[in-house]
Amino acid sequence: MARLANLLLTIRSMLLDQMMHRVRREYEELPGLRLTRWQAQRLWRLDPGECELVLTSLVRSTFLTESRDGTFVRRIQPEWSAFDALTRQLTDGQS
């Protein structure tokens, strides 16, 4: 019985890893994607517990951040934010 329980935990862990990779790919492929927990559950067909695990793991890994409005967005990488700031300065200076 313990072997079966361990097998089921291993399978669940593998499925959650696959789901985390899928969510990461979606955020990478869709810049600006903003989803609430409920929207993420529906989009990826997750139950509330699975969705919470996936989102929390991605926030802890600093891939996502939770905004004040409760949406999950991709955390901007430092090199891109510096690039964006420079681009804005140059664009503002040309106006």
N, C-alpha and C. Protein backbone atom coordinates (compact mmCIF):
# COMPACT_ATOMS: atom_id res chain seq x y z
N MET A 1 0.82 -1.20 0.00
CA MET A 1 0.00 0.00 0.00
C MET A 1 0.86 1.27 0.00
N ALA A 2 1.98 1.23 0.75
CA ALA A 2 2.87 2.39 0.80
C ALA A 2 3.52 2.63 -0.56
N ARG A 3 3.81 1.55 -1.27
CA ARG A 3 4.41 1.70 -2.59
C ARG A 3 3.44 2.39 -3.55
N LEU A 4 2.18 2.02 -3.46
CA LEU A 4 1.16 2.64 -4.31
C LEU A 4 1.03 4.13 -3.98
N ALA A 5 1.04 4.45 -2.70
CA ALA A 5 0.94 5.85 -2.29
C ALA A 5 2.14 6.65 -2.81
N ASN A 6 3.33 6.06 -2.70
CA ASN A 6 4.54 6.73 -3.21
C ASN A 6 4.47 6.92 -4.71
N LEU A 7 3.98 5.91 -5.41
CA LEU A 7 3.84 6.00 -6.86
C LEU A 7 2.87 7.11 -7.24
N LEU A 8 1.75 7.18 -6.54
CA LEU A 8 0.76 8.22 -6.83
C LEU A 8 1.33 9.62 -6.56
N LEU A 9 2.11 9.75 -5.49
CA LEU A 9 2.74 11.05 -5.19
C LEU A 9 3.75 11.42 -6.27
N THR A 10 4.49 10.45 -6.74
CA THR A 10 5.47 10.69 -7.79
C THR A 10 4.78 11.12 -9.08
N ILE A 11 3.71 10.44 -9.42
CA ILE A 11 2.96 10.79 -10.63
C ILE A 11 2.38 12.20 -10.51
N ARG A 12 1.80 12.51 -9.36
CA ARG A 12 1.22 13.85 -9.14
C ARG A 12 2.31 14.92 -9.25
N SER A 13 3.47 14.64 -8.67
CA SER A 13 4.58 15.59 -8.73
C SER A 13 5.02 15.81 -10.18
N MET A 14 5.09 14.73 -10.96
CA MET A 14 5.48 14.85 -12.37
C MET A 14 4.45 15.66 -13.15
N LEU A 15 3.19 15.43 -12.89
CA LEU A 15 2.13 16.17 -13.58
C LEU A 15 2.18 17.66 -13.23
N LEU A 16 2.43 17.96 -11.97
CA LEU A 16 2.54 19.37 -11.56
C LEU A 16 3.76 20.03 -12.20
N ASP A 17 4.87 19.29 -12.30
CA ASP A 17 6.05 19.82 -12.99
C ASP A 17 5.74 20.13 -14.44
N GLN A 18 5.04 19.21 -15.10
CA GLN A 18 4.65 19.43 -16.50
C GLN A 18 3.75 20.65 -16.62
N MET A 19 2.83 20.81 -15.67
CA MET A 19 1.92 21.95 -15.70
C MET A 19 2.68 23.25 -15.48
N MET A 20 3.66 23.24 -14.58
CA MET A 20 4.47 24.44 -14.35
C MET A 20 5.22 24.83 -15.62
N HIS A 21 5.76 23.84 -16.33
CA HIS A 21 6.46 24.13 -17.59
C HIS A 21 5.48 24.69 -18.63
N ARG A 22 4.28 24.14 -18.67
CA ARG A 22 3.27 24.63 -19.62
C ARG A 22 2.91 26.09 -19.31
N VAL A 23 2.69 26.38 -18.04
CA VAL A 23 2.32 27.74 -17.64
C VAL A 23 3.46 28.71 -17.97
N ARG A 24 4.69 28.30 -17.69
CA ARG A 24 5.85 29.14 -18.04
C ARG A 24 5.89 29.43 -19.53
N ARG A 25 5.68 28.41 -20.34
CA ARG A 25 5.69 28.59 -21.80
C ARG A 25 4.60 29.56 -22.24
N GLU A 26 3.42 29.43 -21.65
CA GLU A 26 2.31 30.32 -22.03
C GLU A 26 2.67 31.78 -21.72
N TYR A 27 3.25 32.00 -20.53
CA TYR A 27 3.64 33.36 -20.16
C TYR A 27 4.76 33.87 -21.05
N GLU A 28 5.68 33.00 -21.46
CA GLU A 28 6.76 33.41 -22.34
C GLU A 28 6.25 33.74 -23.75
N GLU A 29 5.29 32.96 -24.21
CA GLU A 29 4.76 33.14 -25.56
C GLU A 29 3.75 34.26 -25.67
N LEU A 30 3.17 34.66 -24.55
CA LEU A 30 2.15 35.70 -24.55
C LEU A 30 2.57 36.86 -23.63
N PRO A 31 3.47 37.70 -24.09
CA PRO A 31 3.91 38.82 -23.25
C PRO A 31 2.71 39.66 -22.81
N GLY A 32 2.74 40.06 -21.57
CA GLY A 32 1.64 40.87 -21.04
C GLY A 32 0.48 40.04 -20.49
N LEU A 33 0.58 38.72 -20.51
CA LEU A 33 -0.50 37.86 -20.00
C LEU A 33 -0.71 38.16 -18.52
N ARG A 34 -1.96 38.43 -18.15
CA ARG A 34 -2.36 38.71 -16.77
C ARG A 34 -3.56 37.85 -16.45
N LEU A 35 -3.42 36.98 -15.47
CA LEU A 35 -4.51 36.09 -15.11
C LEU A 35 -4.76 36.09 -13.61
N THR A 36 -6.03 36.04 -13.24
CA THR A 36 -6.38 35.82 -11.84
C THR A 36 -6.28 34.32 -11.58
N ARG A 37 -6.37 33.93 -10.32
CA ARG A 37 -6.35 32.50 -9.98
C ARG A 37 -7.49 31.78 -10.72
N TRP A 38 -8.66 32.38 -10.68
CA TRP A 38 -9.83 31.75 -11.30
C TRP A 38 -9.62 31.58 -12.80
N GLN A 39 -9.10 32.61 -13.46
CA GLN A 39 -8.84 32.52 -14.90
C GLN A 39 -7.80 31.45 -15.21
N ALA A 40 -6.75 31.38 -14.38
CA ALA A 40 -5.71 30.36 -14.58
C ALA A 40 -6.31 28.96 -14.42
N GLN A 41 -7.15 28.78 -13.40
CA GLN A 41 -7.82 27.49 -13.20
C GLN A 41 -8.60 27.08 -14.44
N ARG A 42 -9.35 27.99 -14.98
CA ARG A 42 -10.18 27.68 -16.15
C ARG A 42 -9.34 27.44 -17.39
N LEU A 43 -8.33 28.29 -17.61
CA LEU A 43 -7.50 28.17 -18.80
C LEU A 43 -6.77 26.83 -18.84
N TRP A 44 -6.20 26.43 -17.70
CA TRP A 44 -5.39 25.22 -17.67
C TRP A 44 -6.10 24.02 -17.04
N ARG A 45 -7.39 24.20 -16.76
CA ARG A 45 -8.22 23.10 -16.22
C ARG A 45 -7.61 22.47 -14.98
N LEU A 46 -7.31 23.32 -14.01
CA LEU A 46 -6.73 22.87 -12.75
C LEU A 46 -7.76 23.00 -11.64
N ASP A 47 -7.65 22.12 -10.66
CA ASP A 47 -8.51 22.33 -9.49
C ASP A 47 -7.85 23.41 -8.63
N PRO A 48 -8.59 24.00 -7.69
CA PRO A 48 -8.04 25.13 -6.93
C PRO A 48 -6.71 24.83 -6.24
N GLY A 49 -6.56 23.64 -5.68
CA GLY A 49 -5.32 23.29 -5.00
C GLY A 49 -4.14 23.19 -5.95
N GLU A 50 -4.36 22.57 -7.10
CA GLU A 50 -3.29 22.45 -8.10
C GLU A 50 -2.90 23.83 -8.61
N CYS A 51 -3.88 24.65 -8.88
CA CYS A 51 -3.62 25.99 -9.39
C CYS A 51 -2.80 26.79 -8.38
N GLU A 52 -3.17 26.70 -7.12
CA GLU A 52 -2.44 27.41 -6.08
C GLU A 52 -0.99 26.93 -6.00
N LEU A 53 -0.79 25.61 -6.10
CA LEU A 53 0.57 25.06 -6.07
C LEU A 53 1.42 25.58 -7.23
N VAL A 54 0.85 25.56 -8.43
CA VAL A 54 1.58 25.99 -9.62
C VAL A 54 1.91 27.48 -9.53
N LEU A 55 0.92 28.30 -9.23
CA LEU A 55 1.15 29.74 -9.18
C LEU A 55 2.12 30.11 -8.05
N THR A 56 1.95 29.51 -6.88
CA THR A 56 2.83 29.79 -5.75
C THR A 56 4.26 29.39 -6.07
N SER A 57 4.43 28.24 -6.71
CA SER A 57 5.78 27.79 -7.09
C SER A 57 6.44 28.75 -8.07
N LEU A 58 5.66 29.24 -9.03
CA LEU A 58 6.22 30.16 -10.03
C LEU A 58 6.51 31.54 -9.43
N VAL A 59 5.74 31.94 -8.43
CA VAL A 59 6.03 33.20 -7.73
C VAL A 59 7.30 33.03 -6.89
N ARG A 60 7.40 31.91 -6.18
CA ARG A 60 8.60 31.66 -5.35
C ARG A 60 9.87 31.56 -6.19
N SER A 61 9.72 31.06 -7.41
CA SER A 61 10.90 30.96 -8.29
C SER A 61 11.21 32.29 -8.98
N THR A 62 10.43 33.31 -8.68
CA THR A 62 10.54 34.67 -9.22
C THR A 62 10.24 34.75 -10.72
N PHE A 63 9.57 33.75 -11.26
CA PHE A 63 9.15 33.83 -12.66
C PHE A 63 7.90 34.69 -12.78
N LEU A 64 6.97 34.54 -11.83
CA LEU A 64 5.74 35.34 -11.80
C LEU A 64 5.73 36.23 -10.58
N THR A 65 4.89 37.23 -10.63
CA THR A 65 4.62 38.05 -9.47
C THR A 65 3.11 38.27 -9.41
N GLU A 66 2.58 38.42 -8.20
CA GLU A 66 1.15 38.70 -8.05
C GLU A 66 0.97 40.20 -7.88
N SER A 67 0.20 40.79 -8.78
CA SER A 67 -0.03 42.23 -8.76
C SER A 67 -1.03 42.59 -7.67
N ARG A 68 -1.12 43.86 -7.39
CA ARG A 68 -2.06 44.35 -6.37
C ARG A 68 -3.51 44.01 -6.71
N ASP A 69 -3.80 43.91 -8.01
CA ASP A 69 -5.17 43.61 -8.42
C ASP A 69 -5.46 42.10 -8.41
N GLY A 70 -4.49 41.30 -7.95
CA GLY A 70 -4.71 39.86 -7.84
C GLY A 70 -4.38 39.08 -9.09
N THR A 71 -3.83 39.73 -10.09
CA THR A 71 -3.46 39.01 -11.31
C THR A 71 -2.01 38.56 -11.21
N PHE A 72 -1.72 37.48 -11.89
CA PHE A 72 -0.37 36.95 -11.94
C PHE A 72 0.23 37.35 -13.28
N VAL A 73 1.39 37.98 -13.22
CA VAL A 73 2.08 38.47 -14.41
C VAL A 73 3.52 38.00 -14.35
N ARG A 74 4.14 37.95 -15.52
CA ARG A 74 5.54 37.55 -15.58
C ARG A 74 6.39 38.66 -15.00
N ARG A 75 7.31 38.29 -14.14
CA ARG A 75 8.22 39.27 -13.54
C ARG A 75 9.19 39.73 -14.62
N ILE A 76 9.38 41.03 -14.71
CA ILE A 76 10.28 41.59 -15.71
C ILE A 76 11.71 41.30 -15.30
N GLN A 77 12.48 40.82 -16.23
CA GLN A 77 13.89 40.54 -15.97
C GLN A 77 14.65 41.86 -15.87
N PRO A 78 15.62 41.97 -14.96
CA PRO A 78 16.33 43.24 -14.76
C PRO A 78 16.94 43.82 -16.04
N GLU A 79 17.53 42.97 -16.89
CA GLU A 79 18.15 43.51 -18.09
C GLU A 79 17.11 44.10 -19.04
N TRP A 80 15.91 43.51 -19.06
CA TRP A 80 14.86 44.06 -19.91
C TRP A 80 14.30 45.35 -19.34
N SER A 81 14.14 45.42 -18.03
CA SER A 81 13.59 46.65 -17.46
C SER A 81 14.56 47.80 -17.67
N ALA A 82 15.87 47.55 -17.59
CA ALA A 82 16.86 48.60 -17.85
C ALA A 82 16.79 49.02 -19.32
N PHE A 83 16.65 48.04 -20.20
CA PHE A 83 16.54 48.33 -21.62
C PHE A 83 15.28 49.15 -21.90
N ASP A 84 14.17 48.75 -21.29
CA ASP A 84 12.91 49.48 -21.48
C ASP A 84 13.02 50.92 -20.97
N ALA A 85 13.69 51.10 -19.84
CA ALA A 85 13.85 52.45 -19.28
C ALA A 85 14.68 53.32 -20.23
N LEU A 86 15.75 52.76 -20.76
CA LEU A 86 16.59 53.50 -21.71
C LEU A 86 15.80 53.85 -22.97
N THR A 87 15.03 52.89 -23.47
CA THR A 87 14.21 53.13 -24.66
C THR A 87 13.20 54.24 -24.41
N ARG A 88 12.57 54.23 -23.24
CA ARG A 88 11.61 55.29 -22.90
C ARG A 88 12.30 56.65 -22.84
N GLN A 89 13.50 56.70 -22.25
CA GLN A 89 14.23 57.97 -22.16
C GLN A 89 14.54 58.49 -23.55
N LEU A 90 15.00 57.62 -24.42
CA LEU A 90 15.34 58.04 -25.78
C LEU A 90 14.10 58.49 -26.54
N THR A 91 13.01 57.76 -26.38
CA THR A 91 11.77 58.10 -27.07
C THR A 91 11.21 59.42 -26.55
N ASP A 92 11.24 59.61 -25.22
CA ASP A 92 10.74 60.85 -24.62
C ASP A 92 11.58 62.05 -25.05
N GLY A 93 12.88 61.83 -25.22
CA GLY A 93 13.78 62.91 -25.63
C GLY A 93 13.56 63.34 -27.07
N GLN A 94 12.98 62.45 -27.88
CA GLN A 94 12.74 62.77 -29.30
C GLN A 94 11.41 63.46 -29.51
N SER A 95 10.55 63.45 -28.53
CA SER A 95 9.21 64.04 -28.71
C SER A 95 9.25 65.53 -28.75
